[in-house]
């Protein structure tokens, strides 16, 4: 027996064969596949390039942010220094009226007396009054030195001393009072009583 190779019987063509132009369809399909692969490769390389540029931009942006933050920090330090300078100028301008009083206190001290601390503060509620604090060391008698200093302040600047408080430890004297100008002395004396 012979093997059977083809089980189908020959059939006559029912329709006409496809035109020759239809052979371009599979060729076009393969060309589109090749073009798509080429475009995919091109897009991949463009994507990689864009990623590299993005990373470079982010690094550049981070470095610029750091420079900006350092500049802001330096600017805030400069602004703080400027504010301190303005405060110092204000303090110097505000202390101008007190400087003659300070010089009087310094000049009134004897050669054997040493000023350890001197404070002059304007009262917040009365700018004409001064809270006076003096800490000094002197050979006995310290009261003589203190009275001499207060007399000099009164004679040269017309300030009277009220609310006097002093403590003495050995040769060291701590004295505090309120210096009031002559014109307002009656008000301060009445308040003291």
N, C-alpha and C. Protein backbone atom coordinates (compact mmCIF):
# COMPACT_ATOMS: atom_id res chain seq x y z
N UNK A 1 0.82 -1.14 0.00
CA UNK A 1 0.00 0.00 0.00
C UNK A 1 0.89 1.24 0.00
N UNK A 2 0.42 2.14 -0.70
CA UNK A 2 1.17 3.39 -0.86
C UNK A 2 0.73 4.38 0.21
N UNK A 3 1.69 5.11 0.72
CA UNK A 3 1.29 6.12 1.73
C UNK A 3 0.50 7.23 1.07
N UNK A 4 -0.36 7.78 1.82
CA UNK A 4 -1.21 8.86 1.34
C UNK A 4 -0.62 10.18 1.81
N UNK A 5 -0.23 10.98 0.82
CA UNK A 5 0.42 12.24 1.18
C UNK A 5 -0.55 13.39 1.25
N UNK A 6 -1.52 13.39 0.46
CA UNK A 6 -2.40 14.55 0.41
C UNK A 6 -3.82 14.06 0.52
N UNK A 7 -4.48 14.54 1.51
CA UNK A 7 -5.85 14.10 1.72
C UNK A 7 -6.85 14.99 1.00
N UNK A 8 -6.36 16.14 0.56
CA UNK A 8 -7.29 17.04 -0.08
C UNK A 8 -7.27 16.82 -1.59
N UNK A 9 -8.38 17.00 -2.15
CA UNK A 9 -8.51 16.82 -3.60
C UNK A 9 -8.26 18.15 -4.29
N UNK A 10 -7.86 18.10 -5.50
CA UNK A 10 -7.61 19.32 -6.27
C UNK A 10 -8.92 20.01 -6.53
N UNK A 11 -8.85 21.33 -6.36
CA UNK A 11 -10.06 22.13 -6.59
C UNK A 11 -9.75 23.20 -7.62
N UNK A 12 -10.67 23.52 -8.38
CA UNK A 12 -10.43 24.60 -9.35
C UNK A 12 -10.54 25.97 -8.65
N UNK A 13 -9.81 27.01 -9.11
CA UNK A 13 -9.85 28.36 -8.55
C UNK A 13 -11.24 28.94 -8.75
N UNK A 14 -11.74 29.49 -7.67
CA UNK A 14 -13.07 30.06 -7.75
C UNK A 14 -12.96 31.53 -8.16
N UNK A 15 -12.01 32.26 -7.56
CA UNK A 15 -11.87 33.67 -7.87
C UNK A 15 -10.54 33.94 -8.54
N UNK A 16 -10.37 35.17 -8.93
CA UNK A 16 -9.14 35.54 -9.59
C UNK A 16 -8.03 35.67 -8.54
N UNK A 17 -6.78 35.45 -8.95
CA UNK A 17 -5.70 35.64 -7.99
C UNK A 17 -5.55 37.12 -7.64
N UNK A 18 -4.95 37.37 -6.49
CA UNK A 18 -4.74 38.76 -6.04
C UNK A 18 -3.82 39.47 -7.00
N UNK A 19 -4.01 40.77 -7.16
CA UNK A 19 -3.14 41.50 -8.07
C UNK A 19 -1.72 41.55 -7.51
N UNK A 20 -0.73 41.85 -8.38
CA UNK A 20 0.69 41.88 -8.00
C UNK A 20 0.97 43.00 -6.99
N UNK A 21 0.17 44.05 -7.00
CA UNK A 21 0.38 45.17 -6.07
C UNK A 21 0.14 44.74 -4.64
N UNK A 22 -0.67 43.70 -4.43
CA UNK A 22 -0.95 43.22 -3.08
C UNK A 22 0.27 42.55 -2.45
N UNK A 23 1.26 42.24 -3.25
CA UNK A 23 2.48 41.65 -2.70
C UNK A 23 3.26 42.71 -1.91
N UNK A 24 2.91 43.98 -2.12
CA UNK A 24 3.59 45.05 -1.38
C UNK A 24 3.12 45.13 0.08
N UNK A 25 1.96 44.57 0.36
CA UNK A 25 1.42 44.64 1.73
C UNK A 25 2.35 43.93 2.72
N UNK A 26 2.78 42.71 2.49
CA UNK A 26 3.71 42.10 3.46
C UNK A 26 5.04 42.84 3.49
N UNK A 27 5.50 43.32 2.33
CA UNK A 27 6.75 44.06 2.31
C UNK A 27 6.61 45.35 3.11
N UNK A 28 5.48 46.01 2.95
CA UNK A 28 5.23 47.22 3.73
C UNK A 28 5.19 46.93 5.23
N UNK A 29 4.58 45.77 5.59
CA UNK A 29 4.52 45.37 6.98
C UNK A 29 5.92 45.21 7.55
N UNK A 30 6.79 44.52 6.79
CA UNK A 30 8.16 44.31 7.27
C UNK A 30 8.94 45.64 7.31
N UNK A 31 8.69 46.50 6.35
CA UNK A 31 9.35 47.81 6.39
C UNK A 31 8.87 48.62 7.59
N UNK A 32 7.59 48.52 7.91
CA UNK A 32 7.06 49.23 9.08
C UNK A 32 7.69 48.68 10.35
N UNK A 33 7.85 47.35 10.42
CA UNK A 33 8.51 46.74 11.59
C UNK A 33 9.94 47.24 11.74
N UNK A 34 10.67 47.28 10.61
CA UNK A 34 12.06 47.76 10.64
C UNK A 34 12.08 49.24 11.05
N UNK A 35 11.16 50.04 10.48
CA UNK A 35 11.08 51.46 10.83
C UNK A 35 10.72 51.66 12.29
N UNK A 36 9.78 50.84 12.79
CA UNK A 36 9.41 50.94 14.21
C UNK A 36 10.58 50.60 15.11
N UNK A 37 11.35 49.56 14.72
CA UNK A 37 12.53 49.20 15.51
C UNK A 37 13.55 50.34 15.48
N UNK A 38 13.73 50.95 14.30
CA UNK A 38 14.68 52.07 14.19
C UNK A 38 14.21 53.25 15.04
N UNK A 39 12.91 53.58 14.94
CA UNK A 39 12.39 54.68 15.74
C UNK A 39 12.47 54.37 17.24
N UNK A 40 12.21 53.12 17.61
CA UNK A 40 12.30 52.71 19.01
C UNK A 40 13.73 52.89 19.51
N UNK A 41 14.70 52.49 18.69
CA UNK A 41 16.11 52.67 19.05
C UNK A 41 16.44 54.16 19.18
N UNK A 42 15.97 54.97 18.22
CA UNK A 42 16.20 56.40 18.27
C UNK A 42 15.57 57.01 19.52
N UNK A 43 14.32 56.63 19.81
CA UNK A 43 13.66 57.15 21.02
C UNK A 43 14.38 56.71 22.28
N UNK A 44 14.90 55.49 22.31
CA UNK A 44 15.63 54.98 23.48
C UNK A 44 16.87 55.84 23.72
N UNK A 45 17.63 56.11 22.64
CA UNK A 45 18.84 56.93 22.81
C UNK A 45 18.48 58.37 23.21
N UNK A 46 17.39 58.89 22.64
CA UNK A 46 16.95 60.22 23.02
C UNK A 46 16.50 60.25 24.50
N UNK A 47 15.82 59.20 24.93
CA UNK A 47 15.40 59.09 26.33
C UNK A 47 16.60 59.05 27.26
N UNK A 48 17.60 58.26 26.89
CA UNK A 48 18.84 58.18 27.70
C UNK A 48 19.52 59.54 27.76
N UNK A 49 19.58 60.23 26.64
CA UNK A 49 20.17 61.56 26.60
C UNK A 49 19.38 62.53 27.47
N UNK A 50 18.04 62.45 27.40
CA UNK A 50 17.20 63.33 28.22
C UNK A 50 17.38 63.03 29.70
N UNK A 51 17.51 61.74 30.05
CA UNK A 51 17.75 61.35 31.45
C UNK A 51 19.07 61.91 31.95
N UNK A 52 20.10 61.82 31.13
CA UNK A 52 21.42 62.34 31.50
C UNK A 52 21.34 63.85 31.68
N UNK A 53 20.65 64.52 30.75
CA UNK A 53 20.50 65.97 30.88
C UNK A 53 19.69 66.35 32.11
N UNK A 54 18.65 65.56 32.42
CA UNK A 54 17.84 65.82 33.61
C UNK A 54 18.67 65.67 34.88
N UNK A 55 19.47 64.60 34.96
CA UNK A 55 20.34 64.40 36.13
C UNK A 55 21.35 65.55 36.25
N UNK A 56 21.91 65.94 35.10
CA UNK A 56 22.86 67.06 35.11
C UNK A 56 22.15 68.34 35.59
N UNK A 57 20.93 68.57 35.10
CA UNK A 57 20.17 69.75 35.51
C UNK A 57 19.86 69.70 37.00
N UNK A 58 19.47 68.53 37.51
CA UNK A 58 19.17 68.41 38.93
C UNK A 58 20.41 68.67 39.78
N UNK A 59 21.57 68.17 39.35
CA UNK A 59 22.81 68.44 40.08
C UNK A 59 23.14 69.93 40.03
N UNK A 60 22.99 70.52 38.87
CA UNK A 60 23.25 71.96 38.73
C UNK A 60 22.27 72.75 39.58
N UNK A 61 21.01 72.32 39.57
CA UNK A 61 19.99 72.99 40.38
C UNK A 61 20.31 72.87 41.87
N UNK A 62 20.75 71.68 42.30
CA UNK A 62 21.11 71.50 43.71
C UNK A 62 22.30 72.38 44.09
N UNK A 63 23.30 72.47 43.21
CA UNK A 63 24.45 73.32 43.52
C UNK A 63 24.04 74.79 43.55
N UNK A 64 23.15 75.20 42.65
CA UNK A 64 22.67 76.58 42.66
C UNK A 64 21.83 76.86 43.91
N UNK A 65 21.04 75.87 44.33
CA UNK A 65 20.25 76.02 45.57
C UNK A 65 21.19 76.19 46.76
N UNK A 66 22.27 75.41 46.78
CA UNK A 66 23.24 75.52 47.88
C UNK A 66 23.90 76.90 47.87
N UNK A 67 24.27 77.37 46.69
CA UNK A 67 24.87 78.71 46.59
C UNK A 67 23.86 79.77 47.04
N UNK A 68 22.59 79.60 46.63
CA UNK A 68 21.54 80.54 47.02
C UNK A 68 21.35 80.54 48.54
N UNK A 69 21.33 79.33 49.15
CA UNK A 69 21.17 79.25 50.61
C UNK A 69 22.36 79.88 51.33
N UNK A 70 23.58 79.66 50.82
CA UNK A 70 24.75 80.28 51.43
C UNK A 70 24.68 81.80 51.30
N UNK A 71 24.22 82.27 50.14
CA UNK A 71 24.08 83.71 49.94
C UNK A 71 23.03 84.29 50.87
N UNK A 72 21.90 83.58 51.03
CA UNK A 72 20.86 84.04 51.95
C UNK A 72 21.39 84.07 53.38
N UNK A 73 22.16 83.04 53.75
CA UNK A 73 22.74 82.99 55.09
C UNK A 73 23.70 84.16 55.30
N UNK A 74 24.56 84.41 54.31
CA UNK A 74 25.50 85.53 54.42
C UNK A 74 24.75 86.85 54.48
N UNK A 75 23.67 86.94 53.71
CA UNK A 75 22.88 88.18 53.71
C UNK A 75 22.23 88.39 55.07
N UNK A 76 21.70 87.31 55.66
CA UNK A 76 21.08 87.45 56.99
C UNK A 76 22.14 87.82 58.03
N UNK A 77 23.36 87.28 57.89
CA UNK A 77 24.44 87.67 58.81
C UNK A 77 24.79 89.14 58.63
N UNK A 78 24.83 89.59 57.38
CA UNK A 78 25.13 91.00 57.11
C UNK A 78 24.01 91.89 57.66
N UNK A 79 22.74 91.45 57.46
CA UNK A 79 21.62 92.23 57.99
C UNK A 79 21.66 92.29 59.52
N UNK A 80 22.04 91.18 60.15
CA UNK A 80 22.17 91.16 61.61
C UNK A 80 23.29 92.09 62.06
N UNK A 81 24.41 92.05 61.35
CA UNK A 81 25.53 92.94 61.67
C UNK A 81 25.12 94.40 61.46
N UNK A 82 24.35 94.66 60.41
CA UNK A 82 23.87 96.01 60.15
C UNK A 82 22.95 96.48 61.27
N UNK A 83 22.08 95.58 61.74
CA UNK A 83 21.18 95.92 62.84
C UNK A 83 21.98 96.21 64.10
N UNK A 84 23.00 95.38 64.37
CA UNK A 84 23.85 95.63 65.54
C UNK A 84 24.55 96.98 65.43
N UNK A 85 25.03 97.29 64.23
CA UNK A 85 25.70 98.58 64.03
C UNK A 85 24.73 99.73 64.26
N UNK A 86 23.50 99.60 63.75
CA UNK A 86 22.51 100.65 63.98
C UNK A 86 22.18 100.78 65.46
N UNK A 87 22.08 99.63 66.15
CA UNK A 87 21.83 99.67 67.59
C UNK A 87 22.98 100.35 68.33
N UNK A 88 24.21 100.05 67.89
CA UNK A 88 25.37 100.68 68.52
C UNK A 88 25.37 102.19 68.28
N UNK A 89 25.05 102.60 67.04
CA UNK A 89 24.97 104.03 66.74
C UNK A 89 23.88 104.67 67.59
N UNK A 90 22.74 103.99 67.70
CA UNK A 90 21.66 104.51 68.54
C UNK A 90 22.08 104.60 69.99
N UNK A 91 22.82 103.60 70.46
CA UNK A 91 23.29 103.61 71.84
C UNK A 91 24.27 104.77 72.06
N UNK A 92 25.20 104.94 71.11
CA UNK A 92 26.17 106.02 71.24
C UNK A 92 25.45 107.37 71.21
N UNK A 93 24.50 107.53 70.28
CA UNK A 93 23.74 108.78 70.22
C UNK A 93 22.93 109.00 71.50
N UNK A 94 22.35 107.92 72.01
CA UNK A 94 21.56 108.02 73.24
C UNK A 94 22.40 108.26 74.47
N UNK A 95 23.65 107.83 74.42
CA UNK A 95 24.52 108.00 75.60
C UNK A 95 25.25 109.34 75.60
N UNK A 96 25.13 110.13 74.53
CA UNK A 96 25.79 111.44 74.48
C UNK A 96 25.46 112.31 75.70
N UNK A 97 24.18 112.43 76.08
CA UNK A 97 23.89 113.27 77.25
C UNK A 97 24.48 112.72 78.56
N UNK A 98 24.73 111.42 78.61
CA UNK A 98 25.26 110.81 79.84
C UNK A 98 26.78 110.86 79.92
N UNK A 99 27.44 111.09 78.81
CA UNK A 99 28.90 111.06 78.81
C UNK A 99 29.53 112.12 79.72
N UNK A 100 29.00 113.33 79.78
CA UNK A 100 29.58 114.29 80.72
C UNK A 100 29.46 113.83 82.17
N UNK A 101 28.35 113.16 82.51
CA UNK A 101 28.18 112.64 83.87
C UNK A 101 29.23 111.58 84.15
N UNK A 102 29.48 110.70 83.17
CA UNK A 102 30.49 109.66 83.34
C UNK A 102 31.86 110.30 83.54
N UNK A 103 32.18 111.30 82.74
CA UNK A 103 33.48 111.96 82.88
C UNK A 103 33.61 112.64 84.25
N UNK A 104 32.52 113.22 84.74
CA UNK A 104 32.55 113.84 86.06
C UNK A 104 32.82 112.81 87.14
N UNK A 105 32.18 111.65 87.04
CA UNK A 105 32.40 110.58 88.03
C UNK A 105 33.86 110.13 87.97
N UNK A 106 34.39 109.93 86.79
CA UNK A 106 35.78 109.47 86.65
C UNK A 106 36.75 110.51 87.21
N UNK A 107 36.52 111.78 86.91
CA UNK A 107 37.44 112.83 87.37
C UNK A 107 37.32 113.10 88.86
N UNK A 108 36.17 112.75 89.45
CA UNK A 108 35.99 113.02 90.88
C UNK A 108 36.69 111.98 91.77
N UNK A 109 37.10 110.89 91.16
CA UNK A 109 37.74 109.83 91.96
C UNK A 109 39.16 110.22 92.33
N UNK A 110 39.53 109.93 93.59
CA UNK A 110 40.90 110.18 94.05
C UNK A 110 41.85 109.18 93.41
N UNK A 111 43.11 109.43 93.55
CA UNK A 111 44.13 108.56 92.95
C UNK A 111 44.12 107.17 93.57
N UNK A 112 43.73 107.07 94.82
CA UNK A 112 43.73 105.76 95.49
C UNK A 112 42.39 105.04 95.36
N UNK A 113 41.46 105.58 94.57
CA UNK A 113 40.14 104.96 94.35
C UNK A 113 40.12 104.29 92.98
N UNK A 114 39.46 103.15 92.92
CA UNK A 114 39.36 102.38 91.67
C UNK A 114 37.89 102.10 91.39
N UNK A 115 37.41 102.53 90.20
CA UNK A 115 36.03 102.22 89.78
C UNK A 115 36.02 100.80 89.25
N UNK A 116 35.21 99.97 89.86
CA UNK A 116 35.08 98.58 89.40
C UNK A 116 33.89 98.42 88.47
N UNK A 117 32.84 99.19 88.72
CA UNK A 117 31.64 99.09 87.88
C UNK A 117 30.89 100.41 87.96
N UNK A 118 30.43 100.88 86.81
CA UNK A 118 29.66 102.11 86.74
C UNK A 118 28.50 101.88 85.77
N UNK A 119 27.29 102.19 86.23
CA UNK A 119 26.14 102.04 85.33
C UNK A 119 25.25 103.26 85.43
N UNK A 120 24.85 103.74 84.28
CA UNK A 120 23.91 104.84 84.16
C UNK A 120 22.80 104.37 83.23
N UNK A 121 21.58 104.34 83.74
CA UNK A 121 20.45 103.84 82.96
C UNK A 121 19.31 104.83 83.06
N UNK A 122 18.75 105.19 81.92
CA UNK A 122 17.59 106.08 81.94
C UNK A 122 16.36 105.28 82.37
N UNK A 123 15.53 105.91 83.18
CA UNK A 123 14.30 105.24 83.62
C UNK A 123 13.33 105.20 82.44
N UNK A 124 12.66 104.08 82.22
CA UNK A 124 11.73 103.98 81.08
C UNK A 124 10.55 104.95 81.20
N UNK A 125 10.08 105.20 82.43
CA UNK A 125 8.91 106.06 82.59
C UNK A 125 9.27 107.54 82.74
N UNK A 126 10.55 107.85 82.99
CA UNK A 126 10.98 109.24 83.13
C UNK A 126 12.38 109.36 82.55
N UNK A 127 12.48 109.86 81.31
CA UNK A 127 13.77 109.91 80.62
C UNK A 127 14.73 110.91 81.23
N UNK A 128 14.24 111.86 82.03
CA UNK A 128 15.15 112.83 82.62
C UNK A 128 15.87 112.27 83.84
N UNK A 129 15.33 111.25 84.47
CA UNK A 129 15.96 110.63 85.63
C UNK A 129 16.90 109.53 85.20
N UNK A 130 17.96 109.36 86.00
CA UNK A 130 18.98 108.37 85.68
C UNK A 130 19.15 107.45 86.89
N UNK A 131 19.13 106.14 86.64
CA UNK A 131 19.46 105.19 87.69
C UNK A 131 20.98 105.06 87.70
N UNK A 132 21.59 105.42 88.80
CA UNK A 132 23.04 105.51 88.91
C UNK A 132 23.53 104.37 89.80
N UNK A 133 24.51 103.64 89.31
CA UNK A 133 25.12 102.56 90.09
C UNK A 133 26.63 102.70 90.03
N UNK A 134 27.28 102.62 91.18
CA UNK A 134 28.73 102.77 91.25
C UNK A 134 29.29 101.76 92.23
N UNK A 135 30.27 101.02 91.76
CA UNK A 135 30.97 100.06 92.62
C UNK A 135 32.44 100.44 92.55
N UNK A 136 33.02 100.77 93.72
CA UNK A 136 34.41 101.21 93.70
C UNK A 136 35.12 100.74 94.96
N UNK A 137 36.43 100.76 94.86
CA UNK A 137 37.29 100.45 96.01
C UNK A 137 38.07 101.70 96.33
N UNK A 138 38.19 101.99 97.61
CA UNK A 138 38.93 103.18 98.03
C UNK A 138 39.49 102.96 99.42
N UNK A 139 40.54 103.69 99.72
CA UNK A 139 41.07 103.67 101.08
C UNK A 139 40.08 104.40 101.97
N UNK A 140 40.01 104.00 103.23
CA UNK A 140 39.08 104.70 104.13
C UNK A 140 39.42 106.17 104.21
N UNK A 141 38.48 107.03 104.35
CA UNK A 141 37.04 106.80 104.46
C UNK A 141 36.38 106.82 103.08
N UNK A 142 35.60 105.78 102.79
CA UNK A 142 34.93 105.68 101.49
C UNK A 142 33.78 106.67 101.36
N UNK A 143 33.15 107.02 102.49
CA UNK A 143 32.03 107.97 102.45
C UNK A 143 32.49 109.32 101.92
N UNK A 144 33.73 109.71 102.22
CA UNK A 144 34.25 110.98 101.72
C UNK A 144 34.32 110.96 100.21
N UNK A 145 34.81 109.86 99.64
CA UNK A 145 34.90 109.72 98.19
C UNK A 145 33.52 109.73 97.55
N UNK A 146 32.57 109.03 98.15
CA UNK A 146 31.21 108.96 97.61
C UNK A 146 30.54 110.34 97.66
N UNK A 147 30.69 111.04 98.78
CA UNK A 147 30.10 112.39 98.90
C UNK A 147 30.72 113.35 97.90
N UNK A 148 32.03 113.23 97.71
CA UNK A 148 32.71 114.10 96.74
C UNK A 148 32.16 113.87 95.33
N UNK A 149 31.97 112.60 94.95
CA UNK A 149 31.45 112.27 93.61
C UNK A 149 30.03 112.81 93.44
N UNK A 150 29.17 112.63 94.44
CA UNK A 150 27.78 113.11 94.34
C UNK A 150 27.74 114.64 94.29
N UNK A 151 28.61 115.31 95.05
CA UNK A 151 28.66 116.78 95.00
C UNK A 151 29.09 117.27 93.62
N UNK A 152 30.08 116.60 93.01
CA UNK A 152 30.53 116.98 91.67
C UNK A 152 29.40 116.84 90.66
N UNK A 153 28.65 115.74 90.76
CA UNK A 153 27.52 115.52 89.83
C UNK A 153 26.48 116.61 90.03
N UNK A 154 26.19 116.96 91.28
CA UNK A 154 25.18 117.98 91.55
C UNK A 154 25.66 119.36 91.10
N UNK A 155 26.91 119.68 91.35
CA UNK A 155 27.41 121.01 91.00
C UNK A 155 27.56 121.20 89.50
N UNK A 156 28.05 120.21 88.79
CA UNK A 156 28.32 120.37 87.35
C UNK A 156 27.11 120.09 86.47
N UNK A 157 26.21 119.21 86.93
CA UNK A 157 25.11 118.79 86.04
C UNK A 157 23.73 119.00 86.65
N UNK A 158 23.68 119.53 87.86
CA UNK A 158 22.41 119.83 88.54
C UNK A 158 21.53 118.59 88.72
N UNK A 159 22.14 117.48 89.08
CA UNK A 159 21.39 116.26 89.39
C UNK A 159 21.45 116.04 90.90
N UNK A 160 20.31 115.79 91.50
CA UNK A 160 20.26 115.43 92.91
C UNK A 160 20.11 113.93 93.05
N UNK A 161 20.67 113.38 94.13
CA UNK A 161 20.63 111.93 94.36
C UNK A 161 19.48 111.60 95.31
N UNK A 162 18.61 110.69 94.89
CA UNK A 162 17.49 110.23 95.70
C UNK A 162 17.48 108.71 95.73
N UNK A 163 16.79 108.17 96.73
CA UNK A 163 16.68 106.72 96.91
C UNK A 163 18.07 106.10 97.03
N UNK A 164 18.90 106.66 97.88
CA UNK A 164 20.28 106.20 98.02
C UNK A 164 20.31 104.87 98.76
N UNK A 165 21.15 103.95 98.21
CA UNK A 165 21.41 102.67 98.86
C UNK A 165 22.88 102.36 98.68
N UNK A 166 23.54 102.03 99.78
CA UNK A 166 24.96 101.67 99.65
C UNK A 166 25.26 100.51 100.58
N UNK A 167 26.16 99.68 100.13
CA UNK A 167 26.67 98.57 100.94
C UNK A 167 28.18 98.62 100.89
N UNK A 168 28.79 98.14 101.98
CA UNK A 168 30.24 98.19 102.07
C UNK A 168 30.75 96.84 102.53
N UNK A 169 31.74 96.33 101.80
CA UNK A 169 32.43 95.09 102.17
C UNK A 169 33.91 95.39 102.14
N UNK A 170 34.51 95.52 103.30
CA UNK A 170 35.92 95.86 103.36
C UNK A 170 36.14 97.24 102.78
N UNK A 171 37.01 97.34 101.78
CA UNK A 171 37.26 98.64 101.15
C UNK A 171 36.44 98.82 99.87
N UNK A 172 35.49 97.93 99.64
CA UNK A 172 34.68 98.00 98.43
C UNK A 172 33.29 98.53 98.78
N UNK A 173 32.83 99.53 98.01
CA UNK A 173 31.53 100.16 98.23
C UNK A 173 30.69 99.97 96.98
N UNK A 174 29.43 99.56 97.19
CA UNK A 174 28.45 99.48 96.12
C UNK A 174 27.36 100.49 96.42
N UNK A 175 27.15 101.43 95.50
CA UNK A 175 26.22 102.52 95.73
C UNK A 175 25.24 102.59 94.56
N UNK A 176 23.94 102.76 94.90
CA UNK A 176 22.89 102.93 93.89
C UNK A 176 21.99 104.07 94.32
N UNK A 177 21.54 104.86 93.34
CA UNK A 177 20.60 105.93 93.62
C UNK A 177 19.91 106.32 92.33
N UNK A 178 18.99 107.27 92.46
CA UNK A 178 18.33 107.84 91.30
C UNK A 178 18.75 109.29 91.19
N UNK A 179 19.34 109.65 90.06
CA UNK A 179 19.75 111.04 89.83
C UNK A 179 18.59 111.75 89.13
N UNK A 180 18.14 112.83 89.77
CA UNK A 180 16.99 113.57 89.25
C UNK A 180 17.43 115.00 88.97
N UNK A 181 17.07 115.57 87.80
CA UNK A 181 17.45 116.96 87.51
C UNK A 181 16.84 117.94 88.51
N UNK A 182 17.48 119.10 88.67
CA UNK A 182 17.06 120.12 89.63
C UNK A 182 15.59 120.50 89.48
N UNK A 183 15.10 120.67 88.27
CA UNK A 183 13.72 121.12 88.04
C UNK A 183 12.68 120.15 88.54
N UNK A 184 12.99 118.87 88.62
CA UNK A 184 12.02 117.86 89.05
C UNK A 184 12.35 117.31 90.43
N UNK A 185 13.25 118.01 91.15
CA UNK A 185 13.69 117.51 92.46
C UNK A 185 12.54 117.45 93.45
N UNK A 186 11.64 118.42 93.44
CA UNK A 186 10.54 118.44 94.38
C UNK A 186 9.61 117.26 94.19
N UNK A 187 9.39 116.86 92.93
CA UNK A 187 8.53 115.71 92.63
C UNK A 187 9.16 114.43 93.16
N UNK A 188 10.48 114.29 92.93
CA UNK A 188 11.17 113.08 93.38
C UNK A 188 11.24 113.02 94.90
N UNK A 189 11.46 114.18 95.55
CA UNK A 189 11.54 114.21 97.00
C UNK A 189 10.18 113.85 97.61
N UNK A 190 9.11 114.34 96.99
CA UNK A 190 7.79 114.00 97.49
C UNK A 190 7.48 112.53 97.30
N UNK A 191 7.95 111.96 96.21
CA UNK A 191 7.72 110.54 95.96
C UNK A 191 8.55 109.69 96.91
N UNK A 192 9.71 110.19 97.33
CA UNK A 192 10.59 109.43 98.22
C UNK A 192 10.00 109.34 99.61
N UNK A 193 9.16 110.32 100.00
CA UNK A 193 8.62 110.33 101.38
C UNK A 193 7.34 109.62 101.48
